[in-house]
Protein backbone atom coordinates (compact mmCIF):
# COMPACT_ATOMS: atom_id res chain seq x y z
CA UNK A 1 0.00 0.00 0.00
CA UNK A 2 1.50 3.33 -1.03
CA UNK A 3 0.99 6.76 0.57
CA UNK A 4 -1.84 7.71 -1.79
CA UNK A 5 -3.74 4.51 -0.96
CA UNK A 6 -3.23 5.01 2.77
CA UNK A 7 -4.58 8.59 2.63
CA UNK A 8 -7.54 7.62 0.43
CA UNK A 9 -8.43 4.72 2.72
CA UNK A 10 -8.25 6.84 5.87
CA UNK A 11 -10.24 9.68 4.29
CA UNK A 12 -12.90 7.20 3.15
CA UNK A 13 -14.21 6.51 6.66
CA UNK A 14 -17.05 8.94 7.21
CA UNK A 15 -18.41 8.03 10.64
CA UNK A 16 -15.69 7.61 13.23
CA UNK A 17 -12.91 8.93 11.06
CA UNK A 18 -9.33 8.27 11.99
CA UNK A 19 -7.65 11.52 12.99
CA UNK A 20 -4.89 12.82 10.73
CA UNK A 21 -2.15 15.16 11.93
CA UNK A 22 -2.35 18.77 10.83
CA UNK A 23 -1.14 20.46 8.78
CA UNK A 24 -1.71 17.61 6.36
CA UNK A 25 0.71 19.17 3.88
CA UNK A 26 3.52 18.43 6.35
CA UNK A 27 2.42 15.22 8.05
CA UNK A 28 0.78 13.13 5.32
CA UNK A 29 4.27 12.19 4.12
CA UNK A 30 4.91 10.69 7.58
CA UNK A 31 2.09 8.15 7.21
CA UNK A 32 3.27 4.56 6.91
CA UNK A 33 0.11 2.51 7.28
CA UNK A 34 -3.22 1.80 8.85
CA UNK A 35 -3.40 0.37 12.35
CA UNK A 36 -5.90 -1.26 14.66
CA UNK A 37 -6.06 -1.70 18.41
CA UNK A 38 -8.65 -3.35 20.60
CA UNK A 39 -12.03 -1.95 19.56
CA UNK A 40 -10.30 0.86 17.60
CA UNK A 41 -9.45 1.18 13.99
CA UNK A 42 -8.69 1.96 11.37
CA UNK A 43 -6.10 4.40 12.70
CA UNK A 44 -3.47 6.52 10.99
CA UNK A 45 0.02 5.16 11.68
CA UNK A 46 2.93 7.59 11.50
CA UNK A 47 6.70 7.06 11.45
CA UNK A 48 8.13 8.71 14.58
CA UNK A 49 11.40 9.62 12.85
CA UNK A 50 9.57 11.38 10.01
CA UNK A 51 7.39 13.33 12.45
CA UNK A 52 10.49 14.41 14.39
CA UNK A 53 12.11 15.54 11.14
CA UNK A 54 9.05 17.71 10.35
CA UNK A 55 9.27 19.32 13.79
CA UNK A 56 12.96 20.00 13.30
CA UNK A 57 12.76 21.40 9.78
CA UNK A 58 9.39 23.17 9.83
CA UNK A 59 9.56 24.52 13.38
CA UNK A 60 13.34 24.74 13.73
CA UNK A 61 13.40 22.58 16.85
CA UNK A 62 16.55 20.90 18.05
CA UNK A 63 16.72 17.11 18.13
CA UNK A 64 16.18 17.14 21.90
CA UNK A 65 13.44 19.76 21.68
CA UNK A 66 11.55 17.87 18.99
CA UNK A 67 11.72 14.62 20.97
CA UNK A 68 10.44 16.34 24.12
CA UNK A 69 7.64 18.10 22.21
CA UNK A 70 6.69 14.85 20.47
CA UNK A 71 6.53 12.82 23.70
CA UNK A 72 4.59 15.41 25.69
CA UNK A 73 2.29 17.00 23.11
CA UNK A 74 1.78 14.39 20.41
CA UNK A 75 2.14 10.95 22.01
CA UNK A 76 0.86 12.34 25.31
CA UNK A 77 -2.28 13.79 23.73
CA UNK A 78 -5.32 11.51 23.67
CA UNK A 79 -7.95 12.75 21.22
CA UNK A 80 -10.38 9.87 21.45
CA UNK A 81 -10.81 6.60 19.60
CA UNK A 82 -9.36 7.96 16.33
CA UNK A 83 -6.07 9.06 17.94
CA UNK A 84 -3.18 8.13 15.62
CA UNK A 85 -0.56 5.51 16.38
CA UNK A 86 3.19 6.06 16.09
CA UNK A 87 5.85 3.51 15.27
CA UNK A 88 9.60 3.45 15.19
CA UNK A 89 10.34 1.28 12.16
CA UNK A 90 13.21 -1.17 12.13
CA UNK A 91 15.71 -0.10 9.52
């Protein structure tokens, strides 16, 4: 499944839509798949490293600052059943 298919699939759920990070122009490229967890799904799945890179380049954060912001404000923010998932891919 490529990025276009992931976005189209996630956008296609009208009722309990999976939440997508904003601004989409920055974060859609960080999507890596569609996830599910107990009684939840489909969910947007983002690559942590790509999200950190957006924070560093778009917002000019340091590596440490972006990691702290990510942990506290993004991973630490629960927005309901459609809250995205984040993975650190093995490379």
